[in-house]
Amino acid sequence: MSERDPLEGIPDALLDWHKGALEGDLAVCAAPQPGYPNFPCINNRASHARHRDVLGRTWPLDTEEPLYVARRSPVVDGMVTVETRDHGAVTLPEPEWCRGFHTEGGYRSDIEHASEEEATGIPTLCHDLVDVLGVSLVQRPFSPSAPQVHALVKVDEEVHALNSRGLDVAAALLVEHAATMRHLARKLAALEVQR
């Protein structure tokens, strides 16, 4: 992974909007970005179709559903307790692979165990380092449709420019990342057998 500042090379005008979003400037939307807490929306408060951060990443506008914040839940004797709006305090086993963050105040069916996301960073000409093919283990034990442990793979729909050297580096990084994904697949297979 590169130690390069992700904001290096960003035009000053965009950096000003980014700084304004972080500092609470009332002219800036500053909606938080899921998964990237230090990169809020830099659009002005006028109507916009999608939120956008200083690096060009976009995400949908908030729905009318209230935003619930995940927090690290204490694990006691291998069990975790999560507060829900429809079943109160729900105590359930905490898998060893779960990173320990659970959303409080949602529905019981939304309780989710999630591992750390494994991704590979690809250097691009347009957005510096971009995480691609993020993969993690997830389980929603009270989901009516899919309560089993499964993997989530995040596929970036954005287009990024690479030169020939960058494309070669991307290929090598993806080969390394494939080994990480295979390791996670074996771990998932073992968890599926335990079911």
N, C-alpha and C. Protein backbone atom coordinates (compact mmCIF):
# COMPACT_ATOMS: atom_id res chain seq x y z
N MET A 1 0.84 -1.18 0.00
CA MET A 1 0.00 0.00 0.00
C MET A 1 0.88 1.24 0.00
N SER A 2 0.42 2.28 -0.66
CA SER A 2 1.17 3.52 -0.75
C SER A 2 0.96 4.36 0.50
N GLU A 3 2.03 5.06 0.92
CA GLU A 3 1.94 5.97 2.06
C GLU A 3 1.58 7.38 1.57
N ARG A 4 1.30 7.53 0.29
CA ARG A 4 1.01 8.83 -0.31
C ARG A 4 -0.29 9.41 0.25
N ASP A 5 -0.29 10.71 0.48
CA ASP A 5 -1.47 11.43 0.96
C ASP A 5 -2.56 11.34 -0.11
N PRO A 6 -3.77 10.82 0.23
CA PRO A 6 -4.81 10.69 -0.79
C PRO A 6 -5.28 12.04 -1.33
N LEU A 7 -4.99 13.14 -0.61
CA LEU A 7 -5.41 14.47 -1.06
C LEU A 7 -4.35 15.18 -1.89
N GLU A 8 -3.19 14.52 -2.07
CA GLU A 8 -2.13 15.12 -2.87
C GLU A 8 -2.59 15.28 -4.32
N GLY A 9 -2.40 16.46 -4.85
CA GLY A 9 -2.78 16.73 -6.24
C GLY A 9 -4.22 17.17 -6.43
N ILE A 10 -5.01 17.22 -5.38
CA ILE A 10 -6.41 17.67 -5.48
C ILE A 10 -6.39 19.19 -5.63
N PRO A 11 -7.16 19.75 -6.59
CA PRO A 11 -7.19 21.21 -6.76
C PRO A 11 -7.62 21.93 -5.48
N ASP A 12 -7.05 23.12 -5.26
CA ASP A 12 -7.32 23.91 -4.06
C ASP A 12 -8.81 24.18 -3.86
N ALA A 13 -9.53 24.42 -4.94
CA ALA A 13 -10.97 24.72 -4.81
C ALA A 13 -11.71 23.55 -4.20
N LEU A 14 -11.38 22.32 -4.62
CA LEU A 14 -12.02 21.14 -4.04
C LEU A 14 -11.58 20.92 -2.60
N LEU A 15 -10.30 21.19 -2.32
CA LEU A 15 -9.81 21.06 -0.94
C LEU A 15 -10.53 22.03 -0.01
N ASP A 16 -10.86 23.22 -0.51
CA ASP A 16 -11.60 24.19 0.30
C ASP A 16 -12.99 23.66 0.64
N TRP A 17 -13.67 23.06 -0.33
CA TRP A 17 -14.99 22.47 -0.06
C TRP A 17 -14.86 21.32 0.94
N HIS A 18 -13.81 20.49 0.78
CA HIS A 18 -13.57 19.37 1.69
C HIS A 18 -13.35 19.89 3.12
N LYS A 19 -12.51 20.91 3.24
CA LYS A 19 -12.24 21.51 4.56
C LYS A 19 -13.52 22.08 5.15
N GLY A 20 -14.31 22.75 4.31
CA GLY A 20 -15.58 23.30 4.78
C GLY A 20 -16.52 22.21 5.28
N ALA A 21 -16.56 21.07 4.57
CA ALA A 21 -17.42 19.96 5.00
C ALA A 21 -16.98 19.42 6.35
N LEU A 22 -15.67 19.30 6.55
CA LEU A 22 -15.14 18.78 7.81
C LEU A 22 -15.34 19.75 8.96
N GLU A 23 -15.33 21.06 8.66
CA GLU A 23 -15.42 22.08 9.70
C GLU A 23 -16.84 22.59 9.95
N GLY A 24 -17.82 22.05 9.23
CA GLY A 24 -19.21 22.44 9.47
C GLY A 24 -19.66 23.70 8.77
N ASP A 25 -19.01 24.07 7.66
CA ASP A 25 -19.44 25.22 6.88
C ASP A 25 -20.88 25.00 6.43
N LEU A 26 -21.78 25.94 6.72
CA LEU A 26 -23.20 25.77 6.42
C LEU A 26 -23.50 25.76 4.93
N ALA A 27 -22.58 26.18 4.09
CA ALA A 27 -22.80 26.17 2.65
C ALA A 27 -22.54 24.79 2.04
N VAL A 28 -21.90 23.90 2.79
CA VAL A 28 -21.49 22.60 2.27
C VAL A 28 -22.42 21.52 2.79
N CYS A 29 -22.81 20.59 1.92
CA CYS A 29 -23.70 19.50 2.30
C CYS A 29 -23.14 18.72 3.49
N ALA A 30 -21.91 18.21 3.37
CA ALA A 30 -21.20 17.50 4.44
C ALA A 30 -21.88 16.21 4.92
N ALA A 31 -22.75 15.61 4.09
CA ALA A 31 -23.37 14.33 4.49
C ALA A 31 -22.27 13.28 4.65
N PRO A 32 -22.33 12.49 5.73
CA PRO A 32 -21.29 11.48 5.93
C PRO A 32 -21.34 10.40 4.86
N GLN A 33 -20.16 9.90 4.49
CA GLN A 33 -20.06 8.85 3.48
C GLN A 33 -19.92 7.50 4.17
N PRO A 34 -20.80 6.55 3.88
CA PRO A 34 -20.68 5.23 4.50
C PRO A 34 -19.32 4.61 4.20
N GLY A 35 -18.63 4.19 5.26
CA GLY A 35 -17.34 3.54 5.11
C GLY A 35 -16.16 4.47 5.02
N TYR A 36 -16.39 5.77 4.84
CA TYR A 36 -15.31 6.76 4.72
C TYR A 36 -15.66 7.97 5.57
N PRO A 37 -15.56 7.86 6.90
CA PRO A 37 -16.04 8.93 7.77
C PRO A 37 -15.32 10.27 7.61
N ASN A 38 -14.10 10.29 7.10
CA ASN A 38 -13.37 11.55 6.94
C ASN A 38 -13.51 12.14 5.55
N PHE A 39 -14.44 11.61 4.75
CA PHE A 39 -14.64 12.10 3.40
C PHE A 39 -16.12 12.37 3.16
N PRO A 40 -16.66 13.46 3.78
CA PRO A 40 -18.08 13.79 3.61
C PRO A 40 -18.35 14.40 2.24
N CYS A 41 -19.63 14.64 1.97
CA CYS A 41 -20.05 15.24 0.70
C CYS A 41 -19.55 16.68 0.62
N ILE A 42 -18.96 17.02 -0.53
CA ILE A 42 -18.44 18.38 -0.73
C ILE A 42 -19.35 19.23 -1.61
N ASN A 43 -20.51 18.70 -2.02
CA ASN A 43 -21.46 19.50 -2.81
C ASN A 43 -22.00 20.62 -1.93
N ASN A 44 -22.46 21.71 -2.60
CA ASN A 44 -23.11 22.75 -1.80
C ASN A 44 -24.49 22.27 -1.40
N ARG A 45 -25.14 23.01 -0.53
CA ARG A 45 -26.43 22.57 0.01
C ARG A 45 -27.55 22.59 -1.02
N ALA A 46 -27.32 23.14 -2.18
CA ALA A 46 -28.34 23.13 -3.23
C ALA A 46 -28.65 21.68 -3.60
N SER A 47 -29.75 21.47 -4.26
CA SER A 47 -30.16 20.12 -4.64
C SER A 47 -29.10 19.44 -5.51
N HIS A 48 -28.79 18.19 -5.19
CA HIS A 48 -27.88 17.40 -6.02
C HIS A 48 -28.37 15.97 -6.08
N ALA A 49 -28.09 15.28 -7.19
CA ALA A 49 -28.62 13.94 -7.42
C ALA A 49 -27.93 12.89 -6.56
N ARG A 50 -26.62 13.06 -6.33
CA ARG A 50 -25.85 12.11 -5.53
C ARG A 50 -24.85 12.90 -4.69
N HIS A 51 -24.47 12.34 -3.56
CA HIS A 51 -23.39 12.93 -2.77
C HIS A 51 -22.07 12.64 -3.47
N ARG A 52 -21.06 13.51 -3.25
CA ARG A 52 -19.74 13.34 -3.88
C ARG A 52 -18.68 13.82 -2.91
N ASP A 53 -17.59 13.04 -2.77
CA ASP A 53 -16.50 13.47 -1.90
C ASP A 53 -15.39 14.11 -2.71
N VAL A 54 -14.36 14.59 -2.03
CA VAL A 54 -13.26 15.32 -2.66
C VAL A 54 -12.48 14.45 -3.65
N LEU A 55 -12.54 13.12 -3.48
CA LEU A 55 -11.84 12.21 -4.39
C LEU A 55 -12.69 11.77 -5.57
N GLY A 56 -13.94 12.26 -5.62
CA GLY A 56 -14.81 11.92 -6.74
C GLY A 56 -15.72 10.73 -6.50
N ARG A 57 -15.61 10.09 -5.34
CA ARG A 57 -16.51 8.96 -5.04
C ARG A 57 -17.91 9.51 -4.81
N THR A 58 -18.92 8.77 -5.25
CA THR A 58 -20.30 9.20 -5.07
C THR A 58 -21.08 8.13 -4.31
N TRP A 59 -22.18 8.55 -3.68
CA TRP A 59 -23.08 7.62 -3.01
C TRP A 59 -24.47 8.23 -3.00
N PRO A 60 -25.51 7.39 -2.86
CA PRO A 60 -26.88 7.89 -2.96
C PRO A 60 -27.25 8.85 -1.83
N LEU A 61 -28.24 9.69 -2.11
CA LEU A 61 -28.77 10.59 -1.09
C LEU A 61 -29.42 9.75 0.00
N ASP A 62 -29.48 10.30 1.19
CA ASP A 62 -30.08 9.59 2.32
C ASP A 62 -31.55 9.30 2.04
N THR A 63 -32.00 8.16 2.53
CA THR A 63 -33.42 7.84 2.43
C THR A 63 -34.11 8.44 3.65
N GLU A 64 -35.40 8.23 3.75
CA GLU A 64 -36.12 8.76 4.91
C GLU A 64 -35.89 7.91 6.15
N GLU A 65 -35.31 6.72 6.00
CA GLU A 65 -34.99 5.87 7.15
C GLU A 65 -33.93 6.55 7.98
N PRO A 66 -34.09 6.62 9.31
CA PRO A 66 -33.08 7.28 10.13
C PRO A 66 -31.74 6.56 10.04
N LEU A 67 -30.67 7.32 10.20
CA LEU A 67 -29.32 6.77 10.15
C LEU A 67 -28.96 6.23 11.52
N TYR A 68 -28.56 4.97 11.57
CA TYR A 68 -28.11 4.36 12.83
C TYR A 68 -26.62 4.14 12.73
N VAL A 69 -25.94 4.44 13.80
CA VAL A 69 -24.48 4.35 13.81
C VAL A 69 -24.05 3.04 14.45
N ALA A 70 -23.14 2.35 13.78
CA ALA A 70 -22.61 1.11 14.35
C ALA A 70 -21.58 1.47 15.41
N ARG A 71 -21.57 0.72 16.50
CA ARG A 71 -20.58 0.93 17.54
C ARG A 71 -20.04 -0.43 17.95
N ARG A 72 -18.86 -0.42 18.54
CA ARG A 72 -18.26 -1.67 18.99
C ARG A 72 -19.05 -2.17 20.19
N SER A 73 -19.56 -3.38 20.07
CA SER A 73 -20.35 -3.97 21.14
C SER A 73 -19.47 -4.86 22.01
N PRO A 74 -19.62 -4.75 23.34
CA PRO A 74 -18.81 -5.62 24.21
C PRO A 74 -19.24 -7.08 24.07
N VAL A 75 -18.25 -7.98 24.06
CA VAL A 75 -18.50 -9.41 23.97
C VAL A 75 -18.24 -10.01 25.35
N VAL A 76 -19.23 -10.70 25.89
CA VAL A 76 -19.10 -11.32 27.21
C VAL A 76 -19.38 -12.82 27.04
N ASP A 77 -18.39 -13.64 27.38
CA ASP A 77 -18.51 -15.09 27.24
C ASP A 77 -18.94 -15.49 25.83
N GLY A 78 -18.39 -14.83 24.84
CA GLY A 78 -18.69 -15.17 23.45
C GLY A 78 -20.04 -14.68 22.96
N MET A 79 -20.74 -13.88 23.77
CA MET A 79 -22.07 -13.39 23.40
C MET A 79 -22.04 -11.87 23.30
N VAL A 80 -22.88 -11.34 22.42
CA VAL A 80 -22.98 -9.89 22.25
C VAL A 80 -24.45 -9.51 22.37
N THR A 81 -24.73 -8.33 22.91
CA THR A 81 -26.10 -7.84 23.06
C THR A 81 -26.26 -6.60 22.20
N VAL A 82 -27.32 -6.61 21.37
CA VAL A 82 -27.60 -5.50 20.46
C VAL A 82 -29.02 -5.00 20.75
N GLU A 83 -29.16 -3.68 20.93
CA GLU A 83 -30.48 -3.08 21.16
C GLU A 83 -31.21 -2.94 19.82
N THR A 84 -32.46 -3.40 19.78
CA THR A 84 -33.27 -3.29 18.56
C THR A 84 -34.55 -2.53 18.87
N ARG A 85 -35.18 -1.99 17.84
CA ARG A 85 -36.42 -1.24 18.04
C ARG A 85 -37.64 -2.15 18.13
N ASP A 86 -37.53 -3.39 17.62
CA ASP A 86 -38.70 -4.26 17.63
C ASP A 86 -38.62 -5.41 18.63
N HIS A 87 -37.42 -5.77 19.13
CA HIS A 87 -37.29 -6.87 20.09
C HIS A 87 -36.47 -6.48 21.33
N GLY A 88 -36.19 -5.20 21.51
CA GLY A 88 -35.40 -4.76 22.66
C GLY A 88 -33.98 -5.28 22.59
N ALA A 89 -33.42 -5.67 23.72
CA ALA A 89 -32.05 -6.18 23.78
C ALA A 89 -32.02 -7.62 23.29
N VAL A 90 -31.24 -7.88 22.26
CA VAL A 90 -31.10 -9.23 21.69
C VAL A 90 -29.68 -9.70 21.95
N THR A 91 -29.54 -10.84 22.64
CA THR A 91 -28.24 -11.41 22.93
C THR A 91 -28.03 -12.62 22.02
N LEU A 92 -26.87 -12.68 21.35
CA LEU A 92 -26.59 -13.76 20.42
C LEU A 92 -25.09 -14.04 20.40
N PRO A 93 -24.69 -15.21 19.89
CA PRO A 93 -23.26 -15.54 19.81
C PRO A 93 -22.53 -14.60 18.85
N GLU A 94 -21.32 -14.22 19.22
CA GLU A 94 -20.48 -13.36 18.38
C GLU A 94 -19.44 -14.23 17.69
N PRO A 95 -19.48 -14.36 16.35
CA PRO A 95 -18.48 -15.17 15.65
C PRO A 95 -17.08 -14.59 15.85
N GLU A 96 -16.06 -15.45 15.87
CA GLU A 96 -14.68 -14.99 16.08
C GLU A 96 -14.22 -14.08 14.95
N TRP A 97 -14.77 -14.21 13.76
CA TRP A 97 -14.34 -13.41 12.62
C TRP A 97 -15.00 -12.03 12.58
N CYS A 98 -16.02 -11.79 13.40
CA CYS A 98 -16.75 -10.50 13.36
C CYS A 98 -15.85 -9.40 13.92
N ARG A 99 -15.87 -8.24 13.29
CA ARG A 99 -15.04 -7.12 13.75
C ARG A 99 -15.62 -6.43 14.97
N GLY A 100 -16.85 -6.80 15.35
CA GLY A 100 -17.40 -6.33 16.62
C GLY A 100 -18.24 -5.07 16.57
N PHE A 101 -18.54 -4.53 15.40
CA PHE A 101 -19.37 -3.34 15.31
C PHE A 101 -20.79 -3.75 14.94
N HIS A 102 -21.76 -3.26 15.72
CA HIS A 102 -23.17 -3.59 15.49
C HIS A 102 -24.00 -2.33 15.55
N THR A 103 -24.99 -2.23 14.66
CA THR A 103 -25.87 -1.07 14.61
C THR A 103 -26.94 -1.19 15.68
N GLU A 104 -27.03 -0.19 16.52
CA GLU A 104 -28.03 -0.16 17.58
C GLU A 104 -29.29 0.55 17.08
N GLY A 105 -30.46 0.08 17.53
CA GLY A 105 -31.71 0.77 17.26
C GLY A 105 -32.41 0.38 15.99
N GLY A 106 -31.84 -0.55 15.22
CA GLY A 106 -32.50 -1.02 14.01
C GLY A 106 -33.44 -2.17 14.33
N TYR A 107 -33.85 -2.91 13.32
CA TYR A 107 -34.70 -4.08 13.51
C TYR A 107 -33.83 -5.30 13.80
N ARG A 108 -34.41 -6.30 14.49
CA ARG A 108 -33.66 -7.51 14.80
C ARG A 108 -33.17 -8.19 13.52
N SER A 109 -33.99 -8.18 12.47
CA SER A 109 -33.59 -8.83 11.21
C SER A 109 -32.40 -8.14 10.55
N ASP A 110 -32.08 -6.91 10.99
CA ASP A 110 -30.94 -6.18 10.42
C ASP A 110 -29.65 -6.39 11.19
N ILE A 111 -29.68 -7.13 12.31
CA ILE A 111 -28.45 -7.38 13.06
C ILE A 111 -27.48 -8.10 12.13
N GLU A 112 -26.26 -7.58 12.08
CA GLU A 112 -25.28 -8.11 11.13
C GLU A 112 -23.92 -8.30 11.78
N HIS A 113 -23.34 -9.47 11.56
CA HIS A 113 -21.94 -9.72 11.89
C HIS A 113 -21.16 -9.48 10.60
N ALA A 114 -20.05 -8.74 10.68
CA ALA A 114 -19.24 -8.47 9.49
C ALA A 114 -17.77 -8.51 9.85
N SER A 115 -16.99 -9.13 8.97
CA SER A 115 -15.54 -9.17 9.16
C SER A 115 -14.93 -7.89 8.60
N GLU A 116 -13.65 -7.70 8.83
CA GLU A 116 -12.94 -6.58 8.20
C GLU A 116 -12.98 -6.79 6.69
N GLU A 117 -13.09 -5.71 5.95
CA GLU A 117 -13.07 -5.82 4.49
C GLU A 117 -11.64 -5.92 4.00
N GLU A 118 -11.40 -6.88 3.14
CA GLU A 118 -10.10 -7.05 2.50
C GLU A 118 -10.23 -6.50 1.08
N ALA A 119 -9.39 -5.54 0.73
CA ALA A 119 -9.43 -4.96 -0.62
C ALA A 119 -8.00 -4.78 -1.10
N THR A 120 -7.86 -4.52 -2.37
CA THR A 120 -6.54 -4.18 -2.89
C THR A 120 -6.60 -2.76 -3.43
N GLY A 121 -5.55 -2.00 -3.21
CA GLY A 121 -5.50 -0.63 -3.70
C GLY A 121 -4.79 -0.57 -5.04
N ILE A 122 -5.46 -0.03 -6.03
CA ILE A 122 -4.91 0.11 -7.38
C ILE A 122 -4.56 1.58 -7.60
N PRO A 123 -3.30 1.88 -7.94
CA PRO A 123 -2.95 3.28 -8.22
C PRO A 123 -3.51 3.70 -9.59
N THR A 124 -4.20 4.83 -9.62
CA THR A 124 -4.79 5.33 -10.87
C THR A 124 -4.24 6.71 -11.19
N LEU A 125 -4.42 7.12 -12.43
CA LEU A 125 -3.99 8.46 -12.85
C LEU A 125 -4.96 9.53 -12.38
N CYS A 126 -6.23 9.14 -12.21
CA CYS A 126 -7.26 10.13 -11.93
C CYS A 126 -7.63 10.27 -10.45
N HIS A 127 -7.56 9.19 -9.68
CA HIS A 127 -8.01 9.24 -8.29
C HIS A 127 -6.97 8.67 -7.33
N ASP A 128 -5.70 8.68 -7.74
CA ASP A 128 -4.64 8.13 -6.90
C ASP A 128 -4.95 6.67 -6.56
N LEU A 129 -4.90 6.29 -5.29
CA LEU A 129 -5.12 4.90 -4.89
C LEU A 129 -6.61 4.64 -4.72
N VAL A 130 -7.12 3.61 -5.41
CA VAL A 130 -8.54 3.27 -5.36
C VAL A 130 -8.66 1.83 -4.87
N ASP A 131 -9.44 1.62 -3.80
CA ASP A 131 -9.70 0.27 -3.32
C ASP A 131 -10.66 -0.43 -4.27
N VAL A 132 -10.32 -1.65 -4.67
CA VAL A 132 -11.19 -2.43 -5.56
C VAL A 132 -11.39 -3.82 -5.00
N LEU A 133 -12.48 -4.43 -5.40
CA LEU A 133 -12.83 -5.80 -5.03
C LEU A 133 -12.73 -6.04 -3.53
N GLY A 134 -13.35 -5.14 -2.76
CA GLY A 134 -13.41 -5.36 -1.33
C GLY A 134 -14.25 -6.60 -1.04
N VAL A 135 -13.77 -7.46 -0.16
CA VAL A 135 -14.49 -8.68 0.17
C VAL A 135 -14.52 -8.84 1.69
N SER A 136 -15.66 -9.28 2.21
CA SER A 136 -15.80 -9.49 3.64
C SER A 136 -16.81 -10.60 3.89
N LEU A 137 -16.72 -11.19 5.09
CA LEU A 137 -17.72 -12.16 5.53
C LEU A 137 -18.84 -11.41 6.23
N VAL A 138 -20.08 -11.87 6.02
CA VAL A 138 -21.24 -11.22 6.61
C VAL A 138 -22.25 -12.30 7.00
N GLN A 139 -22.94 -12.03 8.11
CA GLN A 139 -24.06 -12.90 8.50
C GLN A 139 -25.12 -12.05 9.16
N ARG A 140 -26.35 -12.23 8.72
CA ARG A 140 -27.52 -11.62 9.36
C ARG A 140 -28.34 -12.77 9.92
N PRO A 141 -28.05 -13.17 11.17
CA PRO A 141 -28.64 -14.40 11.70
C PRO A 141 -30.16 -14.41 11.78
N PHE A 142 -30.82 -13.23 11.80
CA PHE A 142 -32.27 -13.19 11.89
C PHE A 142 -32.92 -12.80 10.55
N SER A 143 -32.14 -12.80 9.48
CA SER A 143 -32.68 -12.49 8.16
C SER A 143 -33.65 -13.59 7.73
N PRO A 144 -34.84 -13.23 7.27
CA PRO A 144 -35.79 -14.26 6.83
C PRO A 144 -35.37 -14.94 5.53
N SER A 145 -34.53 -14.29 4.73
CA SER A 145 -34.17 -14.87 3.43
C SER A 145 -32.76 -15.44 3.35
N ALA A 146 -31.80 -14.90 4.11
CA ALA A 146 -30.41 -15.37 3.99
C ALA A 146 -29.69 -15.26 5.34
N PRO A 147 -30.00 -16.16 6.30
CA PRO A 147 -29.37 -16.08 7.61
C PRO A 147 -27.97 -16.69 7.68
N GLN A 148 -27.55 -17.36 6.63
CA GLN A 148 -26.25 -18.05 6.64
C GLN A 148 -25.10 -17.07 6.45
N VAL A 149 -23.90 -17.51 6.83
CA VAL A 149 -22.68 -16.72 6.59
C VAL A 149 -22.43 -16.71 5.08
N HIS A 150 -22.12 -15.54 4.55
CA HIS A 150 -21.80 -15.44 3.12
C HIS A 150 -20.76 -14.33 2.93
N ALA A 151 -20.23 -14.26 1.74
CA ALA A 151 -19.24 -13.23 1.41
C ALA A 151 -19.91 -12.11 0.62
N LEU A 152 -19.45 -10.90 0.87
CA LEU A 152 -19.86 -9.75 0.06
C LEU A 152 -18.65 -9.27 -0.71
N VAL A 153 -18.82 -9.06 -2.00
CA VAL A 153 -17.75 -8.53 -2.84
C VAL A 153 -18.23 -7.18 -3.36
N LYS A 154 -17.45 -6.13 -3.06
CA LYS A 154 -17.80 -4.78 -3.52
C LYS A 154 -17.13 -4.54 -4.86
N VAL A 155 -17.94 -4.24 -5.86
CA VAL A 155 -17.43 -3.97 -7.20
C VAL A 155 -17.66 -2.50 -7.49
N ASP A 156 -16.61 -1.77 -7.77
CA ASP A 156 -16.66 -0.34 -8.04
C ASP A 156 -17.21 -0.12 -9.44
N GLU A 157 -18.26 0.70 -9.57
CA GLU A 157 -18.84 0.97 -10.89
C GLU A 157 -18.18 2.15 -11.57
N GLU A 158 -17.25 2.82 -10.90
CA GLU A 158 -16.60 3.98 -11.50
C GLU A 158 -15.51 3.54 -12.46
N VAL A 159 -15.13 4.43 -13.34
CA VAL A 159 -14.08 4.17 -14.32
C VAL A 159 -12.84 4.95 -13.89
N HIS A 160 -11.67 4.31 -13.94
CA HIS A 160 -10.42 4.95 -13.52
C HIS A 160 -9.38 4.79 -14.63
N ALA A 161 -8.60 5.84 -14.84
CA ALA A 161 -7.58 5.83 -15.90
C ALA A 161 -6.27 5.23 -15.40
N LEU A 162 -5.68 4.37 -16.21
CA LEU A 162 -4.39 3.75 -15.91
C LEU A 162 -3.49 3.86 -17.14
N ASN A 163 -2.19 4.06 -16.92
CA ASN A 163 -1.26 3.96 -18.04
C ASN A 163 -0.77 2.51 -18.09
N SER A 164 0.15 2.19 -19.01
CA SER A 164 0.58 0.80 -19.17
C SER A 164 1.25 0.27 -17.90
N ARG A 165 2.07 1.08 -17.27
CA ARG A 165 2.71 0.65 -16.02
C ARG A 165 1.66 0.43 -14.94
N GLY A 166 0.71 1.35 -14.84
CA GLY A 166 -0.35 1.22 -13.84
C GLY A 166 -1.19 -0.03 -14.08
N LEU A 167 -1.46 -0.35 -15.34
CA LEU A 167 -2.24 -1.54 -15.65
C LEU A 167 -1.48 -2.79 -15.25
N ASP A 168 -0.16 -2.79 -15.47
CA ASP A 168 0.66 -3.93 -15.07
C ASP A 168 0.68 -4.07 -13.55
N VAL A 169 0.82 -2.96 -12.84
CA VAL A 169 0.79 -2.99 -11.38
C VAL A 169 -0.58 -3.49 -10.89
N ALA A 170 -1.65 -3.01 -11.51
CA ALA A 170 -3.00 -3.44 -11.13
C ALA A 170 -3.15 -4.94 -11.30
N ALA A 171 -2.65 -5.49 -12.40
CA ALA A 171 -2.74 -6.93 -12.63
C ALA A 171 -2.01 -7.70 -11.54
N ALA A 172 -0.82 -7.26 -11.16
CA ALA A 172 -0.05 -7.95 -10.11
C ALA A 172 -0.79 -7.87 -8.77
N LEU A 173 -1.34 -6.70 -8.45
CA LEU A 173 -2.07 -6.55 -7.19
C LEU A 173 -3.33 -7.41 -7.16
N LEU A 174 -4.00 -7.53 -8.31
CA LEU A 174 -5.20 -8.36 -8.36
C LEU A 174 -4.86 -9.84 -8.20
N VAL A 175 -3.70 -10.27 -8.71
CA VAL A 175 -3.28 -11.66 -8.51
C VAL A 175 -3.06 -11.91 -7.02
N GLU A 176 -2.40 -10.98 -6.33
CA GLU A 176 -2.20 -11.10 -4.89
C GLU A 176 -3.55 -11.11 -4.16
N HIS A 177 -4.45 -10.25 -4.59
CA HIS A 177 -5.76 -10.16 -3.94
C HIS A 177 -6.57 -11.44 -4.17
N ALA A 178 -6.38 -12.07 -5.31
CA ALA A 178 -7.07 -13.34 -5.59
C ALA A 178 -6.70 -14.38 -4.54
N ALA A 179 -5.44 -14.39 -4.11
CA ALA A 179 -5.02 -15.33 -3.06
C ALA A 179 -5.76 -15.03 -1.75
N THR A 180 -5.94 -13.74 -1.44
CA THR A 180 -6.69 -13.36 -0.24
C THR A 180 -8.14 -13.83 -0.35
N MET A 181 -8.74 -13.67 -1.53
CA MET A 181 -10.12 -14.08 -1.73
C MET A 181 -10.25 -15.60 -1.64
N ARG A 182 -9.27 -16.34 -2.16
CA ARG A 182 -9.32 -17.81 -2.06
C ARG A 182 -9.23 -18.24 -0.60
N HIS A 183 -8.36 -17.58 0.18
CA HIS A 183 -8.24 -17.90 1.60
C HIS A 183 -9.58 -17.66 2.31
N LEU A 184 -10.23 -16.53 2.00
CA LEU A 184 -11.52 -16.23 2.60
C LEU A 184 -12.58 -17.24 2.16
N ALA A 185 -12.51 -17.70 0.91
CA ALA A 185 -13.46 -18.71 0.42
C ALA A 185 -13.32 -20.01 1.21
N ARG A 186 -12.09 -20.41 1.51
CA ARG A 186 -11.88 -21.62 2.30
C ARG A 186 -12.41 -21.45 3.73
N LYS A 187 -12.20 -20.28 4.29
CA LYS A 187 -12.72 -19.99 5.63
C LYS A 187 -14.24 -20.04 5.62
N LEU A 188 -14.85 -19.46 4.59
CA LEU A 188 -16.31 -19.47 4.46
C LEU A 188 -16.82 -20.89 4.29
N ALA A 189 -16.13 -21.71 3.50
CA ALA A 189 -16.54 -23.10 3.31
C ALA A 189 -16.54 -23.85 4.65
N ALA A 190 -15.54 -23.61 5.47
CA ALA A 190 -15.48 -24.25 6.80
C ALA A 190 -16.63 -23.78 7.68
N LEU A 191 -16.98 -22.50 7.61
CA LEU A 191 -18.10 -21.98 8.39
C LEU A 191 -19.42 -22.54 7.90
N GLU A 192 -19.57 -22.74 6.59
CA GLU A 192 -20.81 -23.32 6.03
C GLU A 192 -21.01 -24.75 6.51
N VAL A 193 -19.92 -25.51 6.66
CA VAL A 193 -20.00 -26.89 7.11
C VAL A 193 -20.42 -26.95 8.58
N GLN A 194 -20.01 -25.96 9.37
CA GLN A 194 -20.34 -25.92 10.80
C GLN A 194 -21.82 -25.66 11.05
N ARG A 195 -22.50 -25.13 10.08
CA ARG A 195 -23.91 -24.75 10.21
C ARG A 195 -24.78 -25.85 10.65
